[in-house]
Protein backbone atom coordinates (compact mmCIF):
# COMPACT_ATOMS: atom_id res chain seq x y z
CA MET A 1 15.89 -0.62 -25.96
CA PHE A 2 13.53 -3.26 -24.59
CA PHE A 3 12.91 -1.26 -21.44
CA PHE A 4 12.16 1.93 -23.39
CA PHE A 5 9.70 0.01 -25.57
CA TYR A 6 8.08 -1.46 -22.47
CA LEU A 7 7.44 1.98 -20.92
CA ILE A 8 5.78 3.21 -24.11
CA ASN A 9 3.72 0.01 -24.26
CA LEU A 10 2.70 0.34 -20.61
CA ILE A 11 1.22 3.81 -21.10
CA SER A 12 -0.33 3.28 -24.52
CA ASN A 13 -2.10 0.05 -23.52
CA SER A 14 -3.39 1.13 -20.11
CA ILE A 15 -7.14 0.96 -19.70
CA ILE A 16 -8.50 3.65 -17.42
CA HIS A 17 -12.00 4.06 -16.00
CA LYS A 18 -12.65 7.16 -13.90
CA TYR A 19 -15.49 7.70 -11.42
CA ILE A 20 -15.98 10.98 -9.55
CA PHE A 21 -18.31 10.94 -6.56
CA ASN A 22 -19.38 14.46 -5.60
CA LYS A 23 -23.18 14.46 -5.64
CA LYS A 24 -23.50 17.43 -3.30
CA LYS A 25 -21.00 19.47 -5.35
CA ASN A 26 -18.93 20.14 -2.26
CA PHE A 27 -16.24 22.74 -2.84
CA TYR A 28 -14.39 23.75 0.28
CA SER A 29 -12.06 26.75 0.44
CA LEU A 30 -9.22 24.39 1.31
CA ILE A 31 -9.35 20.93 -0.27
CA ASN A 32 -6.64 18.42 0.50
CA LYS A 33 -6.30 16.16 -2.53
CA ILE A 34 -4.41 12.99 -1.65
CA PRO A 35 -3.61 10.23 -4.19
CA ILE A 36 -3.82 6.68 -2.83
CA ALA A 37 -2.93 3.53 -4.79
CA PHE A 38 -3.90 -0.12 -4.36
CA THR A 39 -2.86 -3.06 -6.56
CA PRO A 40 -5.69 -5.55 -5.95
CA ASP A 41 -5.51 -9.19 -6.91
CA LEU A 42 -8.78 -10.94 -7.82
CA ASN A 43 -8.51 -12.94 -4.58
CA PHE A 44 -8.22 -9.76 -2.52
CA ILE A 45 -11.20 -7.71 -3.67
CA PHE A 46 -13.26 -7.81 -0.45
CA PRO A 47 -10.38 -6.82 1.88
CA THR A 48 -9.42 -3.99 -0.49
CA ILE A 49 -12.98 -2.65 -0.42
CA VAL A 50 -12.90 -2.68 3.39
CA SER A 51 -9.59 -0.83 3.33
CA ILE A 52 -11.02 1.85 1.01
CA THR A 53 -14.08 2.05 3.26
CA SER A 54 -11.93 2.76 6.31
CA LEU A 55 -10.02 5.37 4.32
CA LEU A 56 -13.21 7.25 3.42
CA LYS A 57 -14.96 6.70 6.75
CA ASN A 58 -12.16 8.12 8.90
CA ARG A 59 -11.02 11.16 6.90
CA ASN A 60 -11.40 14.85 7.62
CA PHE A 61 -14.31 16.69 5.99
CA ASN A 62 -12.13 18.51 3.45
CA THR A 63 -9.92 15.57 2.45
CA TYR A 64 -10.50 14.45 -1.12
CA TYR A 65 -8.97 11.04 -1.77
CA ILE A 66 -8.13 10.08 -5.34
CA VAL A 67 -8.08 6.28 -5.16
CA HIS A 68 -6.25 4.40 -7.91
CA LEU A 69 -6.73 0.67 -8.43
CA VAL A 70 -3.91 -0.67 -10.63
CA TYR A 71 -4.19 -4.28 -11.72
CA PHE A 72 -3.45 -6.90 -14.41
CA GLN A 73 -6.47 -9.20 -14.59
CA ASN A 74 -9.82 -8.23 -16.04
CA PHE A 75 -12.46 -7.43 -13.43
CA THR A 76 -15.93 -8.75 -14.11
CA LYS A 77 -18.89 -6.37 -14.20
CA ASP A 78 -19.93 -7.58 -10.75
CA GLU A 79 -16.43 -6.94 -9.37
CA PHE A 80 -16.41 -3.41 -10.80
CA THR A 81 -19.82 -2.85 -9.19
CA LEU A 82 -18.53 -3.91 -5.76
CA PHE A 83 -16.02 -1.07 -5.83
CA ILE A 84 -18.28 1.51 -7.48
CA GLN A 85 -21.10 0.95 -4.96
CA LEU A 86 -18.91 2.71 -2.39
CA GLY A 87 -19.86 5.89 -4.27
CA ASN A 88 -23.44 5.40 -3.07
CA ILE A 89 -22.20 5.32 0.53
CA TYR A 90 -19.43 7.93 0.53
CA ASP A 91 -19.32 11.22 -1.36
CA PHE A 92 -16.49 13.58 -2.25
CA TRP A 93 -13.79 11.28 -3.64
CA GLU A 94 -12.57 9.77 -6.89
CA LEU A 95 -11.99 6.19 -8.04
CA ASN A 96 -9.78 5.24 -10.99
CA PHE A 97 -9.37 1.76 -12.46
CA ILE A 98 -6.05 1.34 -14.28
CA GLN A 99 -5.39 -1.95 -16.06
CA ILE A 100 -1.84 -2.55 -17.33
CA ASN A 101 0.11 -5.34 -18.99
CA ASN A 102 1.90 -7.87 -16.79
CA ILE A 103 5.63 -7.76 -17.57
CA PHE A 104 6.48 -9.61 -14.36
CA ILE A 105 5.21 -12.99 -15.49
CA ASN A 106 8.73 -14.48 -15.27
CA LEU A 107 9.29 -13.31 -11.71
CA PRO A 108 8.29 -15.49 -8.72
CA SER A 109 4.88 -15.12 -7.10
CA SER A 110 2.73 -16.92 -4.52
CA LYS A 111 -0.85 -16.96 -3.28
CA ASN A 112 -0.05 -14.31 -0.66
CA LEU A 113 2.34 -12.35 -2.88
CA PRO A 114 0.93 -12.48 -6.45
CA HIS A 115 2.44 -10.70 -9.44
CA THR A 116 0.39 -7.59 -8.67
CA THR A 117 2.76 -6.90 -5.75
CA TYR A 118 5.41 -5.79 -8.28
CA ILE A 119 3.18 -3.09 -9.80
CA ARG A 120 4.17 -0.45 -7.26
CA LEU A 121 7.71 -0.55 -8.69
CA LEU A 122 6.30 1.02 -11.86
CA PHE A 123 4.40 3.86 -10.21
CA PRO A 124 6.83 6.58 -11.42
CA THR A 125 5.74 5.80 -15.00
CA ILE A 126 2.11 4.93 -14.31
CA PHE A 127 1.59 8.18 -12.36
CA GLU A 128 3.82 10.36 -14.47
CA LYS A 129 2.10 13.60 -13.42
CA LEU A 130 2.33 13.00 -9.66
CA SER A 131 5.29 13.88 -7.45
CA LYS A 132 4.43 11.36 -4.72
CA ILE A 133 1.74 8.87 -3.76
CA ILE A 134 0.61 6.76 -0.80
CA TYR A 135 0.49 3.03 -1.44
CA LEU A 136 -1.62 0.65 0.70
CA ASP A 137 -1.92 -3.13 0.66
CA GLY A 138 -5.46 -4.44 0.64
CA ASP A 139 -5.00 -5.98 4.10
CA THR A 140 -4.91 -2.59 5.82
CA ILE A 141 -7.39 -0.38 7.61
CA VAL A 142 -7.04 3.38 7.94
CA LEU A 143 -8.24 4.85 11.24
CA LYS A 144 -7.16 8.49 10.84
CA ASP A 145 -6.92 11.11 8.11
CA LEU A 146 -3.72 10.72 6.05
CA LEU A 147 -2.90 14.36 5.26
CA ASN A 148 -0.01 14.43 7.76
CA LEU A 149 1.39 11.25 6.24
CA TYR A 150 1.16 12.66 2.72
CA ASN A 151 2.83 15.92 3.76
CA LEU A 152 5.93 14.22 5.21
CA ASN A 153 9.16 15.45 3.64
CA ILE A 154 10.68 12.52 1.71
CA ASP A 155 13.04 14.45 -0.57
CA ASN A 156 15.97 12.22 0.46
CA TYR A 157 14.18 8.90 -0.11
CA TYR A 158 12.54 6.86 -2.84
CA PHE A 159 10.39 4.78 -0.48
CA VAL A 160 9.39 5.39 3.14
CA GLY A 161 7.73 2.55 5.04
CA GLN A 162 7.34 0.79 8.37
CA PHE A 163 10.27 -1.04 9.96
CA HIS A 164 10.16 -4.80 9.42
CA ASN A 165 12.34 -7.59 10.78
CA GLY A 166 12.23 -9.44 7.47
CA ALA A 167 15.88 -8.67 6.74
CA LYS A 168 16.98 -11.74 8.71
CA TYR A 169 15.18 -13.99 6.20
CA GLU A 170 16.78 -12.39 3.16
CA LYS A 171 19.79 -13.72 1.27
CA PHE A 172 21.18 -10.20 0.84
CA PHE A 173 20.76 -8.92 4.41
CA LYS A 174 21.87 -9.89 7.88
CA TYR A 175 20.25 -7.03 9.74
CA SER A 176 19.20 -3.53 8.85
CA LYS A 177 17.54 -0.80 10.88
CA HIS A 178 16.24 0.59 7.60
CA TYR A 179 14.64 -2.55 6.18
CA ILE A 180 11.02 -1.65 5.51
CA ASN A 181 7.77 -3.48 4.96
CA ALA A 182 6.28 -2.66 1.54
CA GLY A 183 2.63 -2.85 2.61
CA VAL A 184 2.32 0.85 3.51
CA LEU A 185 4.52 3.22 1.56
CA LEU A 186 4.94 6.89 0.83
CA ILE A 187 6.66 6.90 -2.56
CA ASN A 188 8.77 9.68 -4.06
CA LEU A 189 7.77 9.46 -7.72
CA PHE A 190 9.49 12.67 -8.82
CA GLN A 191 12.95 11.66 -7.62
CA GLN A 192 12.62 8.14 -9.02
CA ARG A 193 11.75 9.49 -12.46
CA LYS A 194 14.66 11.89 -12.25
CA ASP A 195 17.07 9.07 -11.33
CA LYS A 196 15.47 6.55 -13.75
CA THR A 197 15.10 3.85 -11.12
CA GLU A 198 12.69 1.52 -12.93
CA LYS A 199 15.32 0.20 -15.36
CA LYS A 200 17.66 -0.68 -12.48
CA ILE A 201 14.85 -2.38 -10.55
CA ILE A 202 13.68 -4.63 -13.38
CA GLU A 203 17.18 -5.61 -14.51
CA TRP A 204 18.22 -6.52 -10.95
CA ALA A 205 15.02 -8.52 -10.36
CA GLU A 206 15.54 -10.55 -13.53
CA LYS A 207 19.10 -11.43 -12.50
CA ASN A 208 18.14 -12.35 -8.91
CA LYS A 209 14.69 -13.88 -9.36
CA LYS A 210 15.64 -16.99 -7.34
CA HIS A 211 16.32 -14.90 -4.25
CA LEU A 212 13.25 -12.63 -4.09
CA THR A 213 12.09 -13.84 -0.66
CA PHE A 214 9.51 -11.08 -0.23
CA LYS A 215 9.18 -10.24 -3.93
CA ASP A 216 9.11 -6.45 -4.52
CA GLN A 217 9.92 -5.78 -0.85
CA THR A 218 13.27 -7.53 -1.36
CA ILE A 219 13.89 -5.48 -4.50
CA ILE A 220 13.10 -2.14 -2.82
CA ASN A 221 15.27 -2.80 0.20
CA TYR A 222 18.26 -4.14 -1.69
CA CYS A 223 18.36 -1.85 -4.72
CA PHE A 224 17.77 1.29 -2.67
CA ILE A 225 19.27 0.49 0.71
CA ASP A 226 20.39 4.13 1.07
CA LYS A 227 17.12 5.51 -0.27
CA VAL A 228 14.57 3.86 2.02
CA GLY A 229 13.40 5.59 5.20
CA LEU A 230 11.17 4.87 8.17
CA LEU A 231 7.62 6.11 8.62
CA PRO A 232 6.42 7.27 12.03
CA PRO A 233 5.16 4.13 13.84
CA GLU A 234 1.45 5.05 13.68
CA TYR A 235 1.46 4.69 9.89
CA GLY A 236 1.41 0.97 9.32
CA ILE A 237 1.36 -0.81 12.66
CA LEU A 238 2.16 -4.44 11.84
CA SER A 239 -0.68 -6.18 13.64
CA ASN A 240 1.12 -9.48 14.28
CA SER A 241 4.42 -7.99 15.43
CA PHE A 242 4.25 -4.86 17.53
CA LYS A 243 2.49 -6.23 20.58
CA PHE A 244 5.05 -9.04 20.63
CA TYR A 245 7.86 -6.47 20.50
CA LEU A 246 6.32 -4.34 23.23
CA LYS A 247 5.90 -7.32 25.59
CA ARG A 248 9.22 -9.05 24.96
CA THR A 249 11.70 -6.21 24.44
CA LYS A 250 12.81 -4.10 27.40
CA ASN A 251 15.26 -1.86 25.59
CA PHE A 252 12.95 -1.25 22.68
CA THR A 253 14.37 0.78 19.80
CA LEU A 254 13.68 0.36 16.11
CA GLY A 255 15.59 2.84 14.01
CA LYS A 256 15.01 6.40 15.11
CA PHE A 257 11.81 5.82 17.12
CA SER A 258 11.56 5.02 20.83
CA ARG A 259 9.57 2.41 22.74
CA LEU A 260 7.26 5.18 23.98
CA GLU A 261 6.50 6.26 20.42
CA TYR A 262 5.70 2.68 19.43
CA GLU A 263 3.48 2.21 22.48
CA LYS A 264 1.50 5.32 21.55
CA ALA A 265 1.23 4.18 17.94
CA TYR A 266 0.04 0.74 19.02
CA ASN A 267 -2.74 2.31 21.12
CA GLU A 268 -3.66 5.02 18.58
CA PRO A 269 -2.71 3.76 15.11
CA ALA A 270 -3.46 5.69 11.93
CA ILE A 271 -2.97 2.64 9.70
CA VAL A 272 -3.00 -1.03 10.71
CA HIS A 273 -1.41 -3.57 8.38
CA PHE A 274 -2.53 -7.20 8.80
CA HIS A 275 0.64 -8.65 7.32
CA GLY A 276 1.39 -12.34 7.23
CA HIS A 277 -0.97 -15.28 6.77
CA ASN A 278 -3.37 -14.70 9.67
CA LYS A 279 -5.99 -12.23 8.40
CA PRO A 280 -8.92 -10.89 10.48
CA TRP A 281 -11.52 -12.04 7.94
CA LYS A 282 -10.30 -15.63 8.10
CA LYS A 283 -11.56 -18.15 10.64
CA ASN A 284 -8.08 -18.62 12.05
CA GLY A 285 -7.86 -14.87 12.50
CA LYS A 286 -9.73 -14.99 15.80
CA GLY A 287 -7.96 -13.17 18.56
CA ARG A 288 -5.57 -11.31 16.26
CA TYR A 289 -4.85 -7.72 17.21
CA TYR A 290 -7.19 -5.06 15.72
CA ARG A 291 -9.53 -7.73 14.33
CA LYS A 292 -12.49 -5.94 15.93
CA GLN A 293 -11.60 -2.68 14.17
CA TRP A 294 -11.43 -4.46 10.82
CA TRP A 295 -14.94 -5.90 11.21
CA GLU A 296 -16.30 -2.56 12.45
CA ASN A 297 -15.15 -0.93 9.21
CA ALA A 298 -16.45 -3.87 7.15
CA LYS A 299 -19.96 -3.09 8.45
CA PHE A 300 -19.86 0.21 6.54
CA SER A 301 -18.47 -1.20 3.30
CA GLY A 302 -21.65 -2.44 1.64
CA ILE A 303 -20.16 -5.96 1.44
CA TYR A 304 -20.32 -6.97 5.11
CA ASN A 305 -22.26 -10.17 4.42
CA ASN A 306 -19.79 -11.15 1.69
CA CYS A 307 -16.95 -10.99 4.21
CA LYS A 308 -18.49 -13.40 6.69
């Protein structure tokens, strides 16, 4: 009963602000509409803006991104403006602000993994009219159009993400070739609604809150161990890991992808995820892989000086 009431409360109390940027009234014969979601924390606004910038800057001419920002805390007028000003730089896209109630206040969080990280678990209800959606952490940059990613067949999965070696740090795992990082996800919303996954997720998290090492990532991988799949390596290169793997591992295989496929992805990534503590915009981020690409995209974000 509580969970049913919560879902009604979530929808009825959501605050939505919509901005459509299409000054030139561009209508192509074939428009690829792709929904993208971020869950920004107030401490992660600048990186998220750079990520959105890279998304818009490196798309195909007929790709129309519908960007959703889902969050708990109130944004100030100035913070809203920082996002909206991207509409003065890039045309032909949509930006939606969706504020919801925080029901995860009793679950663990940290500076690097705040409560907003749990929001993606509720996407099937929040985006009740969508069949699937791409989720991106704010510490990502997108270097290629994402139509091919969005068109991947994920009928057999709830979540598809990049392989991650985090299983060895988890209480519930020893090793898994299907343990995924939750920073870049293609999410099957239709199948999750059909199977009513949100109730299972929240109940399990409440019972195991002391063991949520990687917060929602732990929940996704444990609750749906048979329903998580691997993305092609180019979608979500883990900046602090892959070069290490390529240098140190001779017989390199992660899941169903070969060393050659990972080498190609490392050299020509579509999405780079700066996971971990060492971010490119931080002083101690010097020398980290793809740092140059992050700052190149920041130059076109309208907030370059704020990032320095």
